Amino acid sequence: MDNSTSGRTLLAKQSGVRNVLTRIVGALLGLATAYTLTRWLIIGRTLQGETSATQLVVETAIFLAIAGLTLTLTSVVPIRHDLVKIHRVVGQNEEELRQRNRGQRFLQRVQTAFDMAETEADLFSIAGTAMRDAADFPGEILVADSSLAHLQRVATADGHDAPGCTVTTPRNCPAVRSGQTLRFPRANDLSACPRLRERGLDDAHASVCVPVNVLGTPTAVLHSGRDSTHATTQDLEDNVIALEGVAVRFGTRLGMMRAMSQAQLQADTDPLTGLLNRRAMENRIRDIRTDSSSFCIAMADLDRFKSLNDTYGHDTGDRALRLFSRVLQTALRDTDVVSRHGGEEFLIVLPDSDLAIAREALDRIRERLAEALGDAKLPHFTVSIGVTDMSTSDDLTELINQADQALLWAKSDGRDRVVVWDPTRASNANASPDSIDVDESEPHDDLEEQPVGRVVGLVPASQGQSVEKCVEVALFGVGHLHPDEDATAVAAVVPVVEQ
């Protein structure tokens, strides 16, 4: 009997009508045979047709002995044989259920461990332990980067070296492309993965590649390999089932973590500049106050930004904001935190810094902005910055107000500078009946500071540009006048610049 036959199937077969009739017929044949033999033996001993009580007992004993023997041969032995087979199948099914139960308990532990991972690094570390417990031989997990163009090894089975799969991109992995688990019983078979054959492994090396779905897309692979010389087919299959369970739960948890991270990033990020928004910045400041012994807070504001917007349009204003955001990210340290506080205002927190260090960093921002504008096709603009440190107050709102007041002083002092909050100046300002009033709607520097009749860019009239376009090109410093071309368009530029 095939070992794969279940106990239920075998019981159904034995209790079927055909099998019951066969057993009845066999029993009747046995009894008939016993009766025939008994009569043949008794007839030879009968005396003149008379019978006695003794002879009746002898006949009965002979009949029962022969009937018992024949029934044993025709019914008991086959039934016992079937019962032995049923017992064997039931035992095999019980062992299979116990093994399946062990597998389910293992996967439940894996799921619990994955659920407790707070970061991807934690998840990768747990995956290494899970691979070791699922199949105690070399294994690794390769995950695609954010571009989905390269695979990177993120986890290795604990206690083992990485198998060393040489696949570099998801598209080059047969398991990822097919979306199905691939088994390679021998490394050098014609149907084996090319990455196995090119590694020069022994023919007895068996491998399995399990694709890992992250957010519904196969973008990772779990690869494992072992020497199959002394391994049974069932052992290999049990290992594959366990590894598949690990791969499914790993991909589910990784996808959930990345989805939550993306959602959190969108909730905490200003969509225009990519910097933190106001709410996220307040949370980060609370963490910094807990972890840092000292820090400074600065408020930066682009000078005459309203005039820039009104003169060149909101698209140019948005480009200016994005440029300044990049300057902030490149000019400051990795530990410094920047957010868009609102409009053209930016809040900067510098942990583990005093006012001297902070001022040096903030002046560097102004310098980097001037350099960046030299390469960008944007109107010239500057930034004013006010800064204070945590020693002046324990209240976060008060610190931000101090930085904002220092920013107003920077504006009133002439813009394009860094001003440190001064409690003495603040007291004098509060005592004065007139508050500081900075008009950011003044004409933009590019128009205000151009001398009458000066043209910063020339556009040939043959290009057919409008007066407005000539102004734009002139102010951006783009275009030139060829000696052979008509310069009448220049006359259109000059009056506009003079206004």
Protein backbone atom coordinates (compact mmCIF):
# COMPACT_ATOMS: atom_id res chain seq x y z
CA MET A 1 0.00 0.00 0.00
CA ASP A 2 1.18 3.50 -0.82
CA ASN A 3 2.29 5.40 2.27
CA SER A 4 0.44 8.47 1.01
CA THR A 5 -2.92 6.65 1.43
CA SER A 6 -4.80 8.11 4.38
CA GLY A 7 -6.35 6.09 7.19
CA ARG A 8 -9.80 7.37 6.24
CA THR A 9 -9.39 6.14 2.66
CA LEU A 10 -8.27 2.71 3.84
CA LEU A 11 -11.16 2.41 6.31
CA ALA A 12 -13.62 3.40 3.61
CA LYS A 13 -12.17 0.75 1.36
CA GLN A 14 -12.38 -1.98 4.00
CA SER A 15 -15.97 -1.10 4.96
CA GLY A 16 -17.22 -1.03 1.40
CA VAL A 17 -19.98 -3.37 0.18
CA ARG A 18 -17.66 -5.28 -2.13
CA ASN A 19 -15.16 -5.95 0.61
CA VAL A 20 -17.91 -7.03 3.08
CA LEU A 21 -19.38 -9.47 0.54
CA THR A 22 -15.90 -10.86 -0.11
CA ARG A 23 -15.42 -11.48 3.61
CA ILE A 24 -18.86 -13.19 3.93
CA VAL A 25 -18.23 -15.42 0.94
CA GLY A 26 -14.81 -16.31 2.32
CA ALA A 27 -16.30 -17.21 5.69
CA LEU A 28 -19.02 -19.38 4.08
CA LEU A 29 -16.46 -21.13 1.95
CA GLY A 30 -14.40 -21.78 5.05
CA LEU A 31 -17.36 -23.21 6.92
CA ALA A 32 -18.36 -25.35 3.95
CA THR A 33 -14.86 -26.68 3.68
CA ALA A 34 -14.77 -27.42 7.38
CA TYR A 35 -18.09 -29.26 7.21
CA THR A 36 -17.02 -31.34 4.20
CA LEU A 37 -13.78 -32.40 5.83
CA THR A 38 -15.51 -33.19 9.07
CA ARG A 39 -18.09 -35.43 7.40
CA TRP A 40 -15.39 -37.21 5.45
CA LEU A 41 -13.42 -37.97 8.60
CA ILE A 42 -16.48 -39.01 10.59
CA ILE A 43 -17.97 -41.32 7.95
CA GLY A 44 -14.89 -43.54 8.13
CA ARG A 45 -15.46 -44.08 11.86
CA THR A 46 -19.25 -44.58 11.83
CA LEU A 47 -20.27 -48.16 12.88
CA GLN A 48 -23.32 -49.53 11.09
CA GLY A 49 -24.92 -46.12 10.89
CA GLU A 50 -25.17 -45.85 14.69
CA THR A 51 -23.93 -42.87 16.60
CA SER A 52 -23.13 -42.41 20.19
CA ALA A 53 -22.72 -39.41 22.48
CA THR A 54 -18.98 -39.87 22.41
CA GLN A 55 -18.96 -39.86 18.64
CA LEU A 56 -21.11 -36.73 18.58
CA VAL A 57 -18.59 -34.93 20.79
CA VAL A 58 -15.74 -36.10 18.61
CA GLU A 59 -17.53 -34.91 15.45
CA THR A 60 -18.22 -31.54 17.01
CA ALA A 61 -14.58 -31.11 18.11
CA ILE A 62 -13.29 -32.05 14.72
CA PHE A 63 -15.70 -29.64 13.03
CA LEU A 64 -14.79 -26.74 15.30
CA ALA A 65 -11.06 -27.33 14.82
CA ILE A 66 -11.34 -27.46 11.07
CA ALA A 67 -13.79 -24.50 10.97
CA GLY A 68 -11.54 -22.41 13.18
CA LEU A 69 -8.52 -23.13 10.97
CA THR A 70 -10.34 -22.34 7.75
CA LEU A 71 -11.93 -19.16 9.16
CA THR A 72 -8.52 -18.04 10.37
CA LEU A 73 -7.07 -18.51 6.89
CA THR A 74 -10.01 -17.00 5.00
CA SER A 75 -11.04 -14.13 7.31
CA VAL A 76 -8.93 -13.47 10.40
CA VAL A 77 -5.57 -13.25 8.63
CA PRO A 78 -6.80 -10.83 5.90
CA ILE A 79 -8.61 -8.71 8.51
CA ARG A 80 -5.55 -8.57 10.72
CA HIS A 81 -3.41 -7.65 7.70
CA ASP A 82 -5.77 -4.78 6.89
CA LEU A 83 -5.77 -3.62 10.51
CA VAL A 84 -1.99 -3.57 10.54
CA LYS A 85 -1.99 -1.43 7.41
CA ILE A 86 -4.59 0.90 8.92
CA HIS A 87 -2.52 1.20 12.11
CA ARG A 88 0.57 2.04 10.06
CA VAL A 89 -1.26 4.71 8.06
CA VAL A 90 -2.85 6.22 11.16
CA GLY A 91 0.58 6.36 12.79
CA GLN A 92 2.03 8.08 9.75
CA ASN A 93 -0.82 10.57 9.70
CA GLU A 94 -0.38 11.27 13.39
CA GLU A 95 3.33 11.95 12.87
CA GLU A 96 2.52 14.20 9.94
CA LEU A 97 0.02 16.12 12.05
CA ARG A 98 2.53 16.47 14.89
CA GLN A 99 5.17 17.70 12.47
CA ARG A 100 2.70 20.11 10.90
CA ASN A 101 1.76 21.34 14.35
CA ARG A 102 5.44 21.89 15.16
CA GLY A 103 5.78 23.83 11.91
CA GLN A 104 2.75 25.99 12.76
CA ARG A 105 4.08 26.72 16.24
CA PHE A 106 7.46 27.65 14.73
CA LEU A 107 5.86 30.02 12.23
CA GLN A 108 3.76 31.57 15.01
CA ARG A 109 6.97 32.30 16.92
CA VAL A 110 8.49 33.78 13.75
CA GLN A 111 5.45 35.99 13.25
CA THR A 112 5.55 37.15 16.88
CA ALA A 113 9.25 37.97 16.60
CA PHE A 114 8.75 39.87 13.33
CA ASP A 115 5.85 41.84 14.81
CA MET A 116 8.10 43.05 17.64
CA ALA A 117 10.73 44.41 15.22
CA GLU A 118 10.69 48.21 15.33
CA THR A 119 13.20 48.88 12.54
CA GLU A 120 14.26 47.15 9.36
CA ALA A 121 17.62 46.37 10.98
CA ASP A 122 15.78 44.54 13.77
CA LEU A 123 13.73 42.67 11.19
CA PHE A 124 16.82 41.57 9.25
CA SER A 125 18.50 40.31 12.42
CA ILE A 126 15.42 38.27 13.39
CA ALA A 127 15.23 36.86 9.85
CA GLY A 128 18.76 35.44 10.25
CA THR A 129 17.72 33.58 13.38
CA ALA A 130 14.48 32.37 11.75
CA MET A 131 16.37 30.94 8.77
CA ARG A 132 18.70 29.06 11.10
CA ASP A 133 15.77 27.56 13.01
CA ALA A 134 13.87 26.71 9.82
CA ALA A 135 16.78 24.89 8.18
CA ASP A 136 20.12 24.77 9.96
CA PHE A 137 22.32 25.33 6.92
CA PRO A 138 23.55 28.39 4.96
CA GLY A 139 20.87 30.85 3.90
CA GLU A 140 20.52 34.52 2.96
CA ILE A 141 17.89 37.11 2.04
CA LEU A 142 18.51 39.57 -0.79
CA VAL A 143 16.24 42.65 -0.97
CA ALA A 144 15.94 45.18 -3.79
CA ASP A 145 16.90 48.78 -3.04
CA SER A 146 14.51 51.71 -3.43
CA SER A 147 15.18 51.90 -7.16
CA LEU A 148 14.30 48.19 -7.57
CA ALA A 149 17.41 47.93 -9.73
CA HIS A 150 19.83 46.19 -7.34
CA LEU A 151 19.62 43.34 -4.84
CA GLN A 152 21.42 43.73 -1.54
CA ARG A 153 22.10 41.03 1.06
CA VAL A 154 20.33 42.09 4.25
CA ALA A 155 20.29 38.89 6.33
CA THR A 156 22.33 35.69 6.71
CA ALA A 157 21.36 32.55 8.63
CA ASP A 158 22.86 32.70 12.12
CA GLY A 159 25.92 30.52 12.57
CA HIS A 160 26.56 30.15 8.85
CA ASP A 161 28.32 32.05 6.11
CA ALA A 162 26.22 33.46 3.29
CA PRO A 163 25.72 30.97 0.44
CA GLY A 164 27.04 33.68 -1.86
CA CYS A 165 24.36 34.02 -4.53
CA THR A 166 25.79 36.27 -7.25
CA VAL A 167 22.50 37.63 -8.59
CA THR A 168 22.59 41.44 -8.59
CA THR A 169 19.19 42.58 -9.83
CA PRO A 170 15.62 41.32 -9.29
CA ARG A 171 15.16 40.75 -13.01
CA ASN A 172 18.19 38.45 -13.09
CA CYS A 173 16.75 36.14 -10.43
CA PRO A 174 14.61 33.31 -11.92
CA ALA A 175 12.66 32.89 -8.68
CA VAL A 176 11.77 36.61 -8.51
CA ARG A 177 10.79 36.67 -12.18
CA SER A 178 8.57 33.59 -11.88
CA GLY A 179 7.15 34.47 -8.48
CA GLN A 180 7.41 30.79 -7.48
CA THR A 181 9.69 28.73 -5.25
CA LEU A 182 12.38 27.03 -7.31
CA ARG A 183 14.11 23.83 -6.15
CA PHE A 184 17.47 22.76 -7.56
CA PRO A 185 18.33 19.21 -6.31
CA ARG A 186 21.74 19.30 -8.00
CA ALA A 187 23.84 22.37 -8.65
CA ASN A 188 25.13 21.30 -12.07
CA ASP A 189 21.92 20.05 -13.66
CA LEU A 190 20.96 21.48 -17.01
CA SER A 191 17.83 22.95 -15.39
CA ALA A 192 19.73 24.44 -12.42
CA CYS A 193 19.98 28.20 -11.94
CA PRO A 194 22.86 29.66 -13.98
CA ARG A 195 24.11 31.39 -10.83
CA LEU A 196 24.63 27.94 -9.26
CA ARG A 197 26.46 26.44 -12.22
CA GLU A 198 28.85 29.36 -12.51
CA ARG A 199 29.91 29.00 -8.84
CA GLY A 200 31.53 25.57 -9.38
CA LEU A 201 29.63 23.79 -6.60
CA ASP A 202 29.55 20.03 -6.00
CA ASP A 203 26.84 18.16 -7.84
CA ALA A 204 25.35 17.09 -4.50
CA HIS A 205 24.72 20.71 -3.54
CA ALA A 206 20.96 21.32 -3.36
CA SER A 207 19.46 24.81 -3.33
CA VAL A 208 16.09 26.45 -2.95
CA CYS A 209 15.13 30.01 -3.92
CA VAL A 210 11.95 31.46 -2.44
CA PRO A 211 10.66 34.78 -3.87
CA VAL A 212 9.63 37.33 -1.24
CA ASN A 213 6.68 39.62 -1.96
CA VAL A 214 6.96 43.12 -0.54
CA LEU A 215 3.74 45.14 -0.89
CA GLY A 216 2.48 42.62 -3.44
CA THR A 217 5.54 42.70 -5.68
CA PRO A 218 8.35 40.08 -5.76
CA THR A 219 11.31 42.32 -4.92
CA ALA A 220 13.39 40.00 -2.70
CA VAL A 221 14.56 36.38 -2.58
CA LEU A 222 15.44 33.92 0.18
CA HIS A 223 18.24 31.66 -1.03
CA SER A 224 19.42 28.56 0.85
CA GLY A 225 21.75 25.70 -0.04
CA ARG A 226 23.04 22.48 1.51
CA ASP A 227 24.79 19.18 0.81
CA SER A 228 22.00 16.73 -0.04
CA THR A 229 24.13 13.56 0.13
CA HIS A 230 22.60 12.30 3.38
CA ALA A 231 19.30 14.16 3.20
CA THR A 232 16.02 12.48 2.37
CA THR A 233 13.50 13.97 -0.01
CA GLN A 234 11.14 14.50 2.92
CA ASP A 235 13.82 16.36 4.88
CA LEU A 236 14.42 18.71 1.95
CA GLU A 237 10.70 19.29 1.49
CA ASP A 238 10.22 20.04 5.19
CA ASN A 239 13.01 22.61 5.00
CA VAL A 240 11.42 24.24 1.94
CA ILE A 241 8.03 24.52 3.69
CA ALA A 242 9.61 26.16 6.73
CA LEU A 243 11.66 28.59 4.61
CA GLU A 244 8.59 29.51 2.58
CA GLY A 245 6.78 30.35 5.81
CA VAL A 246 9.66 32.57 6.92
CA ALA A 247 9.77 34.29 3.50
CA VAL A 248 6.03 35.04 3.50
CA ARG A 249 6.07 36.54 6.98
CA PHE A 250 9.28 38.46 6.33
CA GLY A 251 7.85 40.05 3.18
CA THR A 252 4.56 40.91 4.89
CA ARG A 253 6.28 42.59 7.84
CA LEU A 254 8.81 44.43 5.66
CA GLY A 255 6.04 45.72 3.42
CA MET A 256 4.01 46.90 6.40
CA MET A 257 7.02 48.66 7.93
CA ARG A 258 7.81 50.43 4.67
CA ALA A 259 4.19 51.43 4.11
CA MET A 260 3.98 52.84 7.63
CA SER A 261 7.31 54.60 7.18
CA GLN A 262 6.15 56.14 3.92
CA ALA A 263 2.89 57.27 5.47
CA GLN A 264 4.74 58.76 8.45
CA LEU A 265 7.19 60.47 6.11
CA GLN A 266 4.36 62.04 4.13
CA ALA A 267 2.69 63.17 7.36
CA ASP A 268 5.93 64.71 8.69
CA THR A 269 7.31 66.24 5.49
CA ASP A 270 6.60 69.49 3.71
CA PRO A 271 5.67 68.44 0.14
CA LEU A 272 7.38 71.41 -1.56
CA THR A 273 10.78 71.39 0.12
CA GLY A 274 11.05 67.86 1.50
CA LEU A 275 11.91 69.26 4.93
CA LEU A 276 10.09 68.46 8.16
CA ASN A 277 6.82 70.29 8.69
CA ARG A 278 5.96 72.31 11.77
CA ARG A 279 4.28 69.51 13.75
CA ALA A 280 7.09 67.02 13.12
CA MET A 281 9.68 69.61 14.08
CA GLU A 282 8.05 70.19 17.46
CA ASN A 283 8.27 66.46 18.16
CA ARG A 284 11.93 66.36 17.13
CA ILE A 285 12.73 69.34 19.37
CA ARG A 286 11.25 67.51 22.36
CA ASP A 287 13.53 64.54 21.63
CA ILE A 288 16.54 66.84 21.24
CA ARG A 289 15.82 68.56 24.56
CA THR A 290 15.87 65.14 26.21
CA ASP A 291 19.04 63.86 24.53
CA SER A 292 21.19 67.01 24.21
CA SER A 293 22.88 69.00 26.96
CA SER A 294 22.71 72.18 24.89
CA PHE A 295 21.17 73.37 21.64
CA CYS A 296 20.39 76.51 19.68
CA ILE A 297 17.26 77.48 17.77
CA ALA A 298 17.34 79.74 14.74
CA MET A 299 14.61 81.24 12.57
CA ALA A 300 15.48 82.02 8.93
CA ASP A 301 13.38 84.07 6.51
CA LEU A 302 13.99 84.82 2.82
CA ASP A 303 14.33 88.56 2.32
CA ARG A 304 11.62 90.33 0.27
CA PHE A 305 10.14 87.00 -0.75
CA LYS A 306 6.70 88.53 -1.39
CA SER A 307 8.25 90.93 -3.87
CA LEU A 308 10.07 88.04 -5.56
CA ASN A 309 6.79 86.14 -5.87
CA ASP A 310 4.90 89.16 -7.21
CA THR A 311 7.64 90.04 -9.70
CA TYR A 312 8.57 86.64 -11.09
CA GLY A 313 5.59 84.47 -10.23
CA HIS A 314 4.91 81.72 -7.73
CA ASP A 315 6.79 79.11 -9.77
CA THR A 316 9.99 81.09 -9.33
CA GLY A 317 9.17 81.52 -5.64
CA ASP A 318 8.77 77.75 -5.26
CA ARG A 319 12.10 77.18 -7.00
CA ALA A 320 13.72 79.65 -4.60
CA LEU A 321 12.29 77.79 -1.61
CA ARG A 322 13.53 74.44 -2.92
CA LEU A 323 16.98 75.90 -3.62
CA PHE A 324 17.24 77.31 -0.11
CA SER A 325 16.12 73.96 1.34
CA ARG A 326 18.95 72.19 -0.48
CA VAL A 327 21.39 74.81 0.80
CA LEU A 328 20.24 74.16 4.36
CA GLN A 329 20.72 70.41 3.99
CA THR A 330 24.22 70.72 2.55
CA ALA A 331 25.48 73.51 4.80
CA LEU A 332 24.44 72.00 8.12
CA ARG A 333 25.50 68.88 9.99
CA ASP A 334 23.65 65.58 9.77
CA THR A 335 22.59 65.99 13.38
CA ASP A 336 21.06 69.44 12.78
CA VAL A 337 17.31 69.52 12.13
CA VAL A 338 15.53 71.86 9.72
CA SER A 339 11.84 72.43 9.06
CA ARG A 340 9.70 74.72 6.98
CA HIS A 341 7.94 76.71 9.67
CA GLY A 342 5.53 78.41 7.30
CA GLY A 343 5.69 80.36 4.03
CA GLU A 344 9.29 81.45 3.56
CA GLU A 345 10.25 80.89 7.22
CA PHE A 346 12.50 78.01 8.27
CA LEU A 347 13.20 76.76 11.79
CA ILE A 348 16.68 75.36 12.48
CA VAL A 349 17.74 73.40 15.57
CA LEU A 350 21.44 72.79 16.20
CA PRO A 351 21.99 70.18 18.94
CA ASP A 352 25.14 70.20 21.08
CA SER A 353 25.97 73.73 19.97
CA ASP A 354 26.59 77.05 21.65
CA LEU A 355 25.93 80.45 20.08
CA ALA A 356 29.43 80.69 18.60
CA ILE A 357 29.12 77.36 16.80
CA ALA A 358 25.57 78.16 15.75
CA ARG A 359 26.49 81.57 14.34
CA GLU A 360 29.33 80.07 12.30
CA ALA A 361 26.97 77.47 10.84
CA LEU A 362 24.30 80.07 10.06
CA ASP A 363 26.79 82.39 8.34
CA ARG A 364 27.84 79.39 6.28
CA ILE A 365 24.24 79.07 5.10
CA ARG A 366 24.31 82.65 3.80
CA GLU A 367 27.58 82.00 1.99
CA ARG A 368 26.36 78.74 0.46
CA LEU A 369 23.16 80.45 -0.69
CA ALA A 370 25.16 83.12 -2.55
CA GLU A 371 27.24 80.39 -4.21
CA ALA A 372 24.17 78.37 -5.19
CA LEU A 373 22.49 81.40 -6.74
CA GLY A 374 25.55 81.88 -8.92
CA ASP A 375 24.82 78.57 -10.63
CA ALA A 376 21.01 78.72 -10.58
CA LYS A 377 18.81 80.56 -13.04
CA LEU A 378 17.03 82.43 -10.27
CA PRO A 379 16.80 86.07 -9.24
CA HIS A 380 19.19 87.07 -6.50
CA PHE A 381 17.81 86.87 -2.95
CA THR A 382 19.21 86.76 0.56
CA VAL A 383 18.25 85.36 3.93
CA SER A 384 18.02 86.89 7.39
CA ILE A 385 18.44 84.70 10.47
CA GLY A 386 17.75 85.14 14.17
CA VAL A 387 19.18 82.73 16.72
CA THR A 388 18.97 82.00 20.46
CA ASP A 389 20.10 79.20 22.76
CA MET A 390 18.38 77.05 25.37
CA SER A 391 20.00 78.87 28.29
CA THR A 392 17.57 81.77 27.94
CA SER A 393 14.40 79.80 28.65
CA ASP A 394 13.02 76.34 29.45
CA ASP A 395 9.89 76.95 27.42
CA LEU A 396 10.00 75.86 23.76
CA THR A 397 7.46 78.45 22.62
CA GLU A 398 9.46 81.20 24.31
CA LEU A 399 12.67 80.06 22.58
CA ILE A 400 10.98 80.12 19.18
CA ASN A 401 9.61 83.61 19.93
CA GLN A 402 13.10 84.79 20.85
CA ALA A 403 14.54 83.46 17.58
CA ASP A 404 11.69 85.13 15.71
CA GLN A 405 12.35 88.45 17.46
CA ALA A 406 16.06 88.20 16.60
CA LEU A 407 14.99 87.58 13.01
CA LEU A 408 13.01 90.84 13.00
CA TRP A 409 16.10 92.63 14.29
CA ALA A 410 18.10 91.15 11.40
CA LYS A 411 15.49 92.51 9.01
CA SER A 412 15.48 95.97 10.56
CA ASP A 413 19.29 96.08 10.68
CA GLY A 414 19.48 95.73 6.89
CA ARG A 415 18.73 92.08 6.10
CA ASP A 416 21.18 89.39 4.89
CA ARG A 417 22.70 88.83 8.31
CA VAL A 418 22.61 86.68 11.46
CA VAL A 419 21.48 88.33 14.71
CA VAL A 420 21.66 86.76 18.16
CA TRP A 421 18.78 87.38 20.55
CA ASP A 422 19.80 89.90 23.21
CA PRO A 423 17.74 90.20 26.39
CA THR A 424 18.82 93.84 26.85
CA ARG A 425 17.70 94.81 23.36
CA ALA A 426 14.49 92.88 23.91
CA SER A 427 13.80 94.85 27.10
CA ASN A 428 14.41 98.15 25.31
CA ALA A 429 12.18 97.10 22.43
CA ASN A 430 9.39 96.17 24.83
CA ALA A 431 9.74 99.53 26.59
CA SER A 432 9.53 101.44 23.29
CA PRO A 433 6.01 102.35 22.19
CA ASP A 434 6.83 101.61 18.55
CA SER A 435 7.19 97.98 17.49
CA ILE A 436 9.52 96.86 14.77
CA ASP A 437 7.83 96.98 11.39
CA VAL A 438 9.60 95.42 8.44
CA ASP A 439 8.00 95.87 5.04
CA GLU A 440 8.71 92.73 3.00
CA SER A 441 6.62 94.01 0.12
CA GLU A 442 9.31 96.50 -0.96
CA PRO A 443 10.48 96.13 -4.57
CA HIS A 444 12.82 93.20 -5.04
CA ASP A 445 16.53 93.94 -4.98
CA ASP A 446 16.94 92.92 -8.61
CA LEU A 447 14.66 95.75 -9.73
CA GLU A 448 15.43 98.20 -6.96
CA GLU A 449 19.19 98.20 -7.27
CA GLN A 450 19.52 98.28 -11.08
CA PRO A 451 20.92 101.68 -12.19
CA VAL A 452 18.90 103.58 -14.78
CA GLY A 453 19.75 102.50 -18.32
CA ARG A 454 21.73 99.44 -17.27
CA VAL A 455 20.88 96.22 -19.11
CA VAL A 456 22.00 92.98 -17.45
CA GLY A 457 21.11 90.78 -20.44
CA LEU A 458 20.45 91.29 -24.15
CA VAL A 459 17.93 89.54 -26.37
CA PRO A 460 18.11 89.86 -30.19
CA ALA A 461 14.98 91.31 -31.73
CA SER A 462 15.12 88.61 -34.41
CA GLN A 463 14.07 86.08 -31.74
CA GLY A 464 10.66 87.73 -31.66
CA GLN A 465 10.49 87.89 -27.86
CA SER A 466 7.92 90.03 -26.06
CA VAL A 467 8.94 92.89 -23.78
CA GLU A 468 8.03 90.77 -20.73
CA LYS A 469 10.21 87.94 -22.01
CA CYS A 470 13.06 90.37 -22.64
CA VAL A 471 12.83 91.50 -19.00
CA GLU A 472 12.90 87.91 -17.78
CA VAL A 473 15.86 86.94 -19.90
CA ALA A 474 17.70 90.14 -19.07
CA LEU A 475 17.25 89.76 -15.33
CA PHE A 476 18.28 86.11 -15.47
CA GLY A 477 21.45 87.07 -17.33
CA VAL A 478 20.63 84.71 -20.19
CA GLY A 479 21.07 85.55 -23.85
CA HIS A 480 23.49 87.67 -25.79
CA LEU A 481 23.51 90.08 -28.71
CA HIS A 482 25.26 88.97 -31.86
CA PRO A 483 27.05 91.86 -33.63
CA ASP A 484 25.12 91.19 -36.84
CA GLU A 485 21.72 91.17 -35.18
CA ASP A 486 19.36 94.05 -34.58
CA ALA A 487 19.43 95.38 -31.03
CA THR A 488 16.03 97.05 -31.08
CA ALA A 489 14.76 94.65 -28.44
CA VAL A 490 17.26 96.14 -26.02
CA ALA A 491 15.37 99.42 -26.06
CA ALA A 492 12.35 97.52 -24.83
CA VAL A 493 14.31 96.13 -21.93
CA VAL A 494 15.78 99.40 -20.71
CA PRO A 495 12.52 101.26 -19.89
CA VAL A 496 11.19 98.27 -17.95
CA VAL A 497 14.38 97.98 -15.91
CA GLU A 498 14.27 101.72 -15.23
CA GLN A 499 10.77 101.51 -13.68
